[in-house]
Amino acid sequence: MSWFAPSTPGWPGRLGPVPSALGPVELRPLRAADGAEWRRMRLRDEALIRPWDPSSNLTWAARHTRPAWMDHRAMLRQAARLGTALPFAVTVAGRFAGQVTIGGIQRFPLHSGWVGYWIGSEFAGRGVATVAVAQVVGHAFDEGALHRVEATVSPVNQASQRVLAHLGFRQEGLLQRYLDIDGGWRDHQLWALTAEEAPGGAAGLLRSWSADGFAHP
């Protein structure tokens, strides 16, 4: 019997490659061997990632031990098996570069989920995040059979807002004191995209980005 439930649309899967300034961007399931790079990158990039991460009583170092990685991966694999998440590792030219996850998946009558991501600092600002998010959101609409994908973003996280805007997400409102992030209840903007607004899946989203003046190589 397969470890993954047969009723999990779009999982497991491999997406890409799509060109970027740093090399081909691909997405695949997380591997146990990704743990060393996951820990190294997130420990190094604490100042960039922690302001957008859920609150915790643990230190940043304690949240990024080898056992913490194993628990994190196991949690995502379990969610994928149950059909509530589509978690992917991002790779650039074969190197682990970050993660993109469709989570909180609900089926009939919503057929919706949220998208979240992080990218290592050496890959930031070069289109990698936009290409990766486009691939996963397109996959969620197509093979994942979702109708709506949402994203909640801090009003001061302009980098994430740009990624969503480039791909055609709409800002729908402000959620007050919505998430417990970095030690407090923070307001978040609500952005969303529906399948009707993304014809052509990932390729259509990337064409929209190119037409917006941000064409990838």
C-alpha atoms as a PDB file:
ATOM      1  CA  MET A   1       0.000   0.000   0.000  1.00  0.00           C
ATOM      2  CA  SER A   2       1.344   3.445  -0.905  1.00  0.00           C
ATOM      3  CA  TRP A   3       2.267   5.696   2.022  1.00  0.00           C
ATOM      4  CA  PHE A   4       0.397   8.537   0.286  1.00  0.00           C
ATOM      5  CA  ALA A   5      -3.380   8.385   0.155  1.00  0.00           C
ATOM      6  CA  PRO A   6      -4.647   7.850  -3.398  1.00  0.00           C
ATOM      7  CA  SER A   7      -7.238  10.581  -2.767  1.00  0.00           C
ATOM      8  CA  THR A   8      -4.581  13.328  -2.516  1.00  0.00           C
ATOM      9  CA  PRO A   9      -4.831  15.183  -5.856  1.00  0.00           C
ATOM     10  CA  GLY A  10      -1.525  16.595  -7.035  1.00  0.00           C
ATOM     11  CA  TRP A  11       0.651  14.703  -4.571  1.00  0.00           C
ATOM     12  CA  PRO A  12       3.406  13.647  -4.763  1.00  0.00           C
ATOM     13  CA  GLY A  13       4.764  15.434  -7.800  1.00  0.00           C
ATOM     14  CA  ARG A  14       7.696  17.163  -9.466  1.00  0.00           C
ATOM     15  CA  LEU A  15       7.337  20.598 -11.094  1.00  0.00           C
ATOM     16  CA  GLY A  16       9.570  22.398 -13.579  1.00  0.00           C
ATOM     17  CA  PRO A  17      12.225  23.050 -14.598  1.00  0.00           C
ATOM     18  CA  VAL A  18      11.601  26.745 -15.307  1.00  0.00           C
ATOM     19  CA  PRO A  19      14.534  29.060 -16.166  1.00  0.00           C
ATOM     20  CA  SER A  20      15.663  31.767 -13.750  1.00  0.00           C
ATOM     21  CA  ALA A  21      18.655  34.072 -13.524  1.00  0.00           C
ATOM     22  CA  LEU A  22      20.343  31.546 -11.200  1.00  0.00           C
ATOM     23  CA  GLY A  23      19.479  28.356 -13.047  1.00  0.00           C
ATOM     24  CA  PRO A  24      16.519  26.000 -13.494  1.00  0.00           C
ATOM     25  CA  VAL A  25      13.918  26.189 -10.722  1.00  0.00           C
ATOM     26  CA  GLU A  26      12.274  22.863  -9.856  1.00  0.00           C
ATOM     27  CA  LEU A  27       9.997  21.663  -7.076  1.00  0.00           C
ATOM     28  CA  ARG A  28       9.816  18.218  -5.504  1.00  0.00           C
ATOM     29  CA  PRO A  29       8.837  16.543  -2.225  1.00  0.00           C
ATOM     30  CA  LEU A  30      11.070  17.248   0.743  1.00  0.00           C
ATOM     31  CA  ARG A  31      13.832  14.714   1.363  1.00  0.00           C
ATOM     32  CA  ALA A  32      15.429  13.739   4.665  1.00  0.00           C
ATOM     33  CA  ALA A  33      18.765  14.833   3.167  1.00  0.00           C
ATOM     34  CA  ASP A  34      17.463  18.422   2.785  1.00  0.00           C
ATOM     35  CA  GLY A  35      17.725  18.854   6.539  1.00  0.00           C
ATOM     36  CA  ALA A  36      21.342  20.040   6.667  1.00  0.00           C
ATOM     37  CA  GLU A  37      20.730  22.842   4.144  1.00  0.00           C
ATOM     38  CA  TRP A  38      17.372  23.716   5.725  1.00  0.00           C
ATOM     39  CA  ARG A  39      19.066  24.193   9.077  1.00  0.00           C
ATOM     40  CA  ARG A  40      22.084  26.075   7.685  1.00  0.00           C
ATOM     41  CA  MET A  41      20.049  28.497   5.598  1.00  0.00           C
ATOM     42  CA  ARG A  42      17.384  29.258   8.177  1.00  0.00           C
ATOM     43  CA  LEU A  43      19.908  29.732  11.004  1.00  0.00           C
ATOM     44  CA  ARG A  44      21.924  32.110   8.814  1.00  0.00           C
ATOM     45  CA  ASP A  45      18.819  33.986   7.612  1.00  0.00           C
ATOM     46  CA  GLU A  46      17.144  34.355  11.014  1.00  0.00           C
ATOM     47  CA  ALA A  47      16.890  38.147  10.657  1.00  0.00           C
ATOM     48  CA  LEU A  48      15.099  37.769   7.308  1.00  0.00           C
ATOM     49  CA  ILE A  49      12.751  34.878   8.186  1.00  0.00           C
ATOM     50  CA  ARG A  50      11.901  35.283  11.868  1.00  0.00           C
ATOM     51  CA  PRO A  51       9.784  38.483  11.497  1.00  0.00           C
ATOM     52  CA  TRP A  52       7.278  36.475   9.412  1.00  0.00           C
ATOM     53  CA  ASP A  53       7.436  33.171  11.345  1.00  0.00           C
ATOM     54  CA  PRO A  54       4.946  31.896  13.963  1.00  0.00           C
ATOM     55  CA  SER A  55       5.714  32.735  17.572  1.00  0.00           C
ATOM     56  CA  SER A  56       7.475  30.131  19.704  1.00  0.00           C
ATOM     57  CA  ASN A  57       8.801  29.782  23.236  1.00  0.00           C
ATOM     58  CA  LEU A  58      11.905  28.097  21.811  1.00  0.00           C
ATOM     59  CA  THR A  59      15.020  29.911  20.684  1.00  0.00           C
ATOM     60  CA  TRP A  60      15.642  30.101  16.933  1.00  0.00           C
ATOM     61  CA  ALA A  61      18.505  27.640  17.307  1.00  0.00           C
ATOM     62  CA  ALA A  62      16.306  25.170  19.206  1.00  0.00           C
ATOM     63  CA  ARG A  63      13.714  25.386  16.437  1.00  0.00           C
ATOM     64  CA  HIS A  64      16.311  24.335  13.863  1.00  0.00           C
ATOM     65  CA  THR A  65      17.945  21.241  15.305  1.00  0.00           C
ATOM     66  CA  ARG A  66      18.124  17.956  13.417  1.00  0.00           C
ATOM     67  CA  PRO A  67      15.163  16.527  15.411  1.00  0.00           C
ATOM     68  CA  ALA A  68      13.197  19.713  14.670  1.00  0.00           C
ATOM     69  CA  TRP A  69      13.786  19.173  10.946  1.00  0.00           C
ATOM     70  CA  MET A  70      12.633  15.572  11.188  1.00  0.00           C
ATOM     71  CA  ASP A  71       9.457  16.636  13.017  1.00  0.00           C
ATOM     72  CA  HIS A  72       8.816  19.413  10.478  1.00  0.00           C
ATOM     73  CA  ARG A  73       9.181  17.077   7.503  1.00  0.00           C
ATOM     74  CA  ALA A  74       7.071  14.368   9.153  1.00  0.00           C
ATOM     75  CA  MET A  75       4.295  16.889   9.868  1.00  0.00           C
ATOM     76  CA  LEU A  76       4.224  18.025   6.224  1.00  0.00           C
ATOM     77  CA  ARG A  77       4.295  14.455   4.905  1.00  0.00           C
ATOM     78  CA  GLN A  78       1.388  13.553   7.178  1.00  0.00           C
ATOM     79  CA  ALA A  79      -0.580  16.587   5.971  1.00  0.00           C
ATOM     80  CA  ALA A  80       0.132  15.585   2.367  1.00  0.00           C
ATOM     81  CA  ARG A  81      -1.001  12.025   3.066  1.00  0.00           C
ATOM     82  CA  LEU A  82      -4.257  13.348   4.540  1.00  0.00           C
ATOM     83  CA  GLY A  83      -4.811  15.669   1.573  1.00  0.00           C
ATOM     84  CA  THR A  84      -4.593  18.923   3.553  1.00  0.00           C
ATOM     85  CA  ALA A  85      -1.271  20.162   2.136  1.00  0.00           C
ATOM     86  CA  LEU A  86       0.944  20.123  -0.959  1.00  0.00           C
ATOM     87  CA  PRO A  87       4.463  20.734   0.435  1.00  0.00           C
ATOM     88  CA  PHE A  88       7.406  21.216  -1.928  1.00  0.00           C
ATOM     89  CA  ALA A  89      11.122  21.799  -1.695  1.00  0.00           C
ATOM     90  CA  VAL A  90      12.440  24.469  -4.074  1.00  0.00           C
ATOM     91  CA  THR A  91      15.669  23.685  -5.890  1.00  0.00           C
ATOM     92  CA  VAL A  92      17.781  25.913  -8.126  1.00  0.00           C
ATOM     93  CA  ALA A  93      20.212  24.142 -10.437  1.00  0.00           C
ATOM     94  CA  GLY A  94      19.779  21.112  -8.177  1.00  0.00           C
ATOM     95  CA  ARG A  95      20.504  22.970  -4.912  1.00  0.00           C
ATOM     96  CA  PHE A  96      17.971  23.140  -2.090  1.00  0.00           C
ATOM     97  CA  ALA A  97      16.753  26.765  -2.029  1.00  0.00           C
ATOM     98  CA  GLY A  98      13.653  26.897   0.184  1.00  0.00           C
ATOM     99  CA  GLN A  99      10.058  25.726   0.426  1.00  0.00           C
ATOM    100  CA  VAL A 100       6.624  26.461  -1.007  1.00  0.00           C
ATOM    101  CA  THR A 101       3.552  24.915   0.614  1.00  0.00           C
ATOM    102  CA  ILE A 102      -0.122  24.897  -0.200  1.00  0.00           C
ATOM    103  CA  GLY A 103      -1.719  24.288   3.199  1.00  0.00           C
ATOM    104  CA  GLY A 104      -5.085  24.394   4.900  1.00  0.00           C
ATOM    105  CA  ILE A 105      -6.687  22.576   1.963  1.00  0.00           C
ATOM    106  CA  GLN A 106     -10.450  22.227   2.215  1.00  0.00           C
ATOM    107  CA  ARG A 107     -12.557  20.421  -0.348  1.00  0.00           C
ATOM    108  CA  PHE A 108     -16.252  20.709  -1.206  1.00  0.00           C
ATOM    109  CA  PRO A 109     -17.710  23.282  -1.269  1.00  0.00           C
ATOM    110  CA  LEU A 110     -14.609  25.512  -0.886  1.00  0.00           C
ATOM    111  CA  HIS A 111     -11.837  23.715  -2.790  1.00  0.00           C
ATOM    112  CA  SER A 112      -9.366  26.211  -1.353  1.00  0.00           C
ATOM    113  CA  GLY A 113      -6.027  26.483   0.426  1.00  0.00           C
ATOM    114  CA  TRP A 114      -3.333  28.987   1.344  1.00  0.00           C
ATOM    115  CA  VAL A 115       0.175  29.398  -0.039  1.00  0.00           C
ATOM    116  CA  GLY A 116       3.279  30.127   2.023  1.00  0.00           C
ATOM    117  CA  TYR A 117       6.949  30.174   1.112  1.00  0.00           C
ATOM    118  CA  TRP A 118      10.472  31.079   2.112  1.00  0.00           C
ATOM    119  CA  ILE A 119      13.644  31.312   0.010  1.00  0.00           C
ATOM    120  CA  GLY A 120      17.277  31.437   1.136  1.00  0.00           C
ATOM    121  CA  SER A 121      18.950  34.841   0.942  1.00  0.00           C
ATOM    122  CA  GLU A 122      21.390  33.757  -1.794  1.00  0.00           C
ATOM    123  CA  PHE A 123      18.387  33.168  -4.080  1.00  0.00           C
ATOM    124  CA  ALA A 124      16.385  36.274  -3.136  1.00  0.00           C
ATOM    125  CA  GLY A 125      15.650  39.098  -5.552  1.00  0.00           C
ATOM    126  CA  ARG A 126      16.377  37.031  -8.681  1.00  0.00           C
ATOM    127  CA  GLY A 127      12.891  35.785  -9.547  1.00  0.00           C
ATOM    128  CA  VAL A 128      13.253  32.400  -7.865  1.00  0.00           C
ATOM    129  CA  ALA A 129      10.396  32.941  -5.391  1.00  0.00           C
ATOM    130  CA  THR A 130       8.032  34.184  -8.091  1.00  0.00           C
ATOM    131  CA  VAL A 131       8.814  31.255 -10.401  1.00  0.00           C
ATOM    132  CA  ALA A 132       8.433  28.742  -7.551  1.00  0.00           C
ATOM    133  CA  VAL A 133       5.139  30.167  -6.275  1.00  0.00           C
ATOM    134  CA  ALA A 134       3.763  30.314  -9.845  1.00  0.00           C
ATOM    135  CA  GLN A 135       4.573  26.641 -10.379  1.00  0.00           C
ATOM    136  CA  VAL A 136       2.973  25.487  -7.134  1.00  0.00           C
ATOM    137  CA  VAL A 137      -0.156  27.654  -7.441  1.00  0.00           C
ATOM    138  CA  GLY A 138      -0.654  26.541 -11.047  1.00  0.00           C
ATOM    139  CA  HIS A 139      -0.217  22.931  -9.925  1.00  0.00           C
ATOM    140  CA  ALA A 140      -2.757  23.467  -7.127  1.00  0.00           C
ATOM    141  CA  PHE A 141      -5.347  24.690  -9.641  1.00  0.00           C
ATOM    142  CA  ASP A 142      -4.637  21.924 -12.159  1.00  0.00           C
ATOM    143  CA  GLU A 143      -3.579  18.592 -10.660  1.00  0.00           C
ATOM    144  CA  GLY A 144      -4.519  19.721  -7.139  1.00  0.00           C
ATOM    145  CA  ALA A 145      -8.096  20.505  -8.226  1.00  0.00           C
ATOM    146  CA  LEU A 146      -8.354  23.675  -6.107  1.00  0.00           C
ATOM    147  CA  HIS A 147     -10.518  26.638  -7.065  1.00  0.00           C
ATOM    148  CA  ARG A 148      -9.047  29.343  -4.793  1.00  0.00           C
ATOM    149  CA  VAL A 149      -5.617  29.974  -3.268  1.00  0.00           C
ATOM    150  CA  GLU A 150      -5.172  32.596  -0.552  1.00  0.00           C
ATOM    151  CA  ALA A 151      -2.099  34.261   0.946  1.00  0.00           C
ATOM    152  CA  THR A 152      -1.880  36.299   4.128  1.00  0.00           C
ATOM    153  CA  VAL A 153       0.944  38.826   4.193  1.00  0.00           C
ATOM    154  CA  SER A 154       2.189  41.336   6.748  1.00  0.00           C
ATOM    155  CA  PRO A 155       1.501  44.909   5.601  1.00  0.00           C
ATOM    156  CA  VAL A 156       5.233  45.610   5.921  1.00  0.00           C
ATOM    157  CA  ASN A 157       6.392  42.540   3.961  1.00  0.00           C
ATOM    158  CA  GLN A 158       6.725  44.284   0.633  1.00  0.00           C
ATOM    159  CA  ALA A 159       8.796  41.532  -0.979  1.00  0.00           C
ATOM    160  CA  SER A 160       6.005  38.974  -0.579  1.00  0.00           C
ATOM    161  CA  GLN A 161       3.413  41.494  -1.715  1.00  0.00           C
ATOM    162  CA  ARG A 162       5.388  42.012  -4.936  1.00  0.00           C
ATOM    163  CA  VAL A 163       5.544  38.273  -5.620  1.00  0.00           C
ATOM    164  CA  LEU A 164       1.769  37.968  -5.267  1.00  0.00           C
ATOM    165  CA  ALA A 165       1.015  41.101  -7.295  1.00  0.00           C
ATOM    166  CA  HIS A 166       3.251  39.947 -10.161  1.00  0.00           C
ATOM    167  CA  LEU A 167       1.250  36.704 -10.360  1.00  0.00           C
ATOM    168  CA  GLY A 168      -2.149  38.400 -10.419  1.00  0.00           C
ATOM    169  CA  PHE A 169      -3.273  37.894  -6.812  1.00  0.00           C
ATOM    170  CA  ARG A 170      -5.829  40.453  -5.598  1.00  0.00           C
ATOM    171  CA  GLN A 171      -5.682  42.123  -2.186  1.00  0.00           C
ATOM    172  CA  GLU A 172      -9.117  41.557  -0.651  1.00  0.00           C
ATOM    173  CA  GLY A 173      -8.832  43.138   2.763  1.00  0.00           C
ATOM    174  CA  LEU A 174      -7.044  43.454   6.100  1.00  0.00           C
ATOM    175  CA  LEU A 175      -7.322  40.765   8.771  1.00  0.00           C
ATOM    176  CA  GLN A 176      -6.812  42.427  12.144  1.00  0.00           C
ATOM    177  CA  ARG A 177      -4.693  40.676  14.791  1.00  0.00           C
ATOM    178  CA  TYR A 178      -4.873  37.588  12.576  1.00  0.00           C
ATOM    179  CA  LEU A 179      -1.740  35.532  13.299  1.00  0.00           C
ATOM    180  CA  ASP A 180       0.550  35.100  16.303  1.00  0.00           C
ATOM    181  CA  ILE A 181       3.814  36.038  14.580  1.00  0.00           C
ATOM    182  CA  ASP A 182       7.202  36.833  16.130  1.00  0.00           C
ATOM    183  CA  GLY A 183       5.791  37.383  19.603  1.00  0.00           C
ATOM    184  CA  GLY A 184       2.482  39.164  18.947  1.00  0.00           C
ATOM    185  CA  TRP A 185      -0.874  39.144  17.175  1.00  0.00           C
ATOM    186  CA  ARG A 186      -0.228  40.796  13.817  1.00  0.00           C
ATOM    187  CA  ASP A 187      -2.491  42.299  11.173  1.00  0.00           C
ATOM    188  CA  HIS A 188      -2.236  40.623   7.765  1.00  0.00           C
ATOM    189  CA  GLN A 189      -3.394  41.537   4.290  1.00  0.00           C
ATOM    190  CA  LEU A 190      -5.552  38.912   2.594  1.00  0.00           C
ATOM    191  CA  TRP A 191      -4.646  38.199  -1.039  1.00  0.00           C
ATOM    192  CA  ALA A 192      -6.381  35.643  -3.259  1.00  0.00           C
ATOM    193  CA  LEU A 193      -6.496  34.146  -6.735  1.00  0.00           C
ATOM    194  CA  THR A 194      -9.085  31.823  -8.294  1.00  0.00           C
ATOM    195  CA  ALA A 195      -8.677  29.292 -11.067  1.00  0.00           C
ATOM    196  CA  GLU A 196     -10.669  31.471 -13.481  1.00  0.00           C
ATOM    197  CA  GLU A 197      -8.061  34.211 -13.026  1.00  0.00           C
ATOM    198  CA  ALA A 198      -5.174  31.869 -13.865  1.00  0.00           C
ATOM    199  CA  PRO A 199      -5.935  30.262 -17.243  1.00  0.00           C
ATOM    200  CA  GLY A 200      -3.071  28.101 -18.400  1.00  0.00           C
ATOM    201  CA  GLY A 201      -1.893  27.195 -14.891  1.00  0.00           C
ATOM    202  CA  ALA A 202       1.754  27.890 -14.049  1.00  0.00           C
ATOM    203  CA  ALA A 203       2.603  28.845 -17.636  1.00  0.00           C
ATOM    204  CA  GLY A 204      -0.208  31.399 -17.637  1.00  0.00           C
ATOM    205  CA  LEU A 205       0.937  32.874 -14.327  1.00  0.00           C
ATOM    206  CA  LEU A 206       4.481  33.207 -15.626  1.00  0.00           C
ATOM    207  CA  ARG A 207       3.214  34.859 -18.808  1.00  0.00           C
ATOM    208  CA  SER A 208       1.316  37.337 -16.633  1.00  0.00           C
ATOM    209  CA  TRP A 209       4.549  38.093 -14.758  1.00  0.00           C
ATOM    210  CA  SER A 210       6.424  38.609 -18.031  1.00  0.00           C
ATOM    211  CA  ALA A 211       3.685  40.897 -19.349  1.00  0.00           C
ATOM    212  CA  ASP A 212       3.998  42.897 -16.126  1.00  0.00           C
ATOM    213  CA  GLY A 213       7.589  43.747 -17.076  1.00  0.00           C
ATOM    214  CA  PHE A 214       9.342  41.187 -14.900  1.00  0.00           C
ATOM    215  CA  ALA A 215      10.206  38.516 -17.437  1.00  0.00           C
ATOM    216  CA  HIS A 216      12.521  35.790 -16.233  1.00  0.00           C
ATOM    217  CA  PRO A 217      15.400  34.750 -18.485  1.00  0.00           C
END
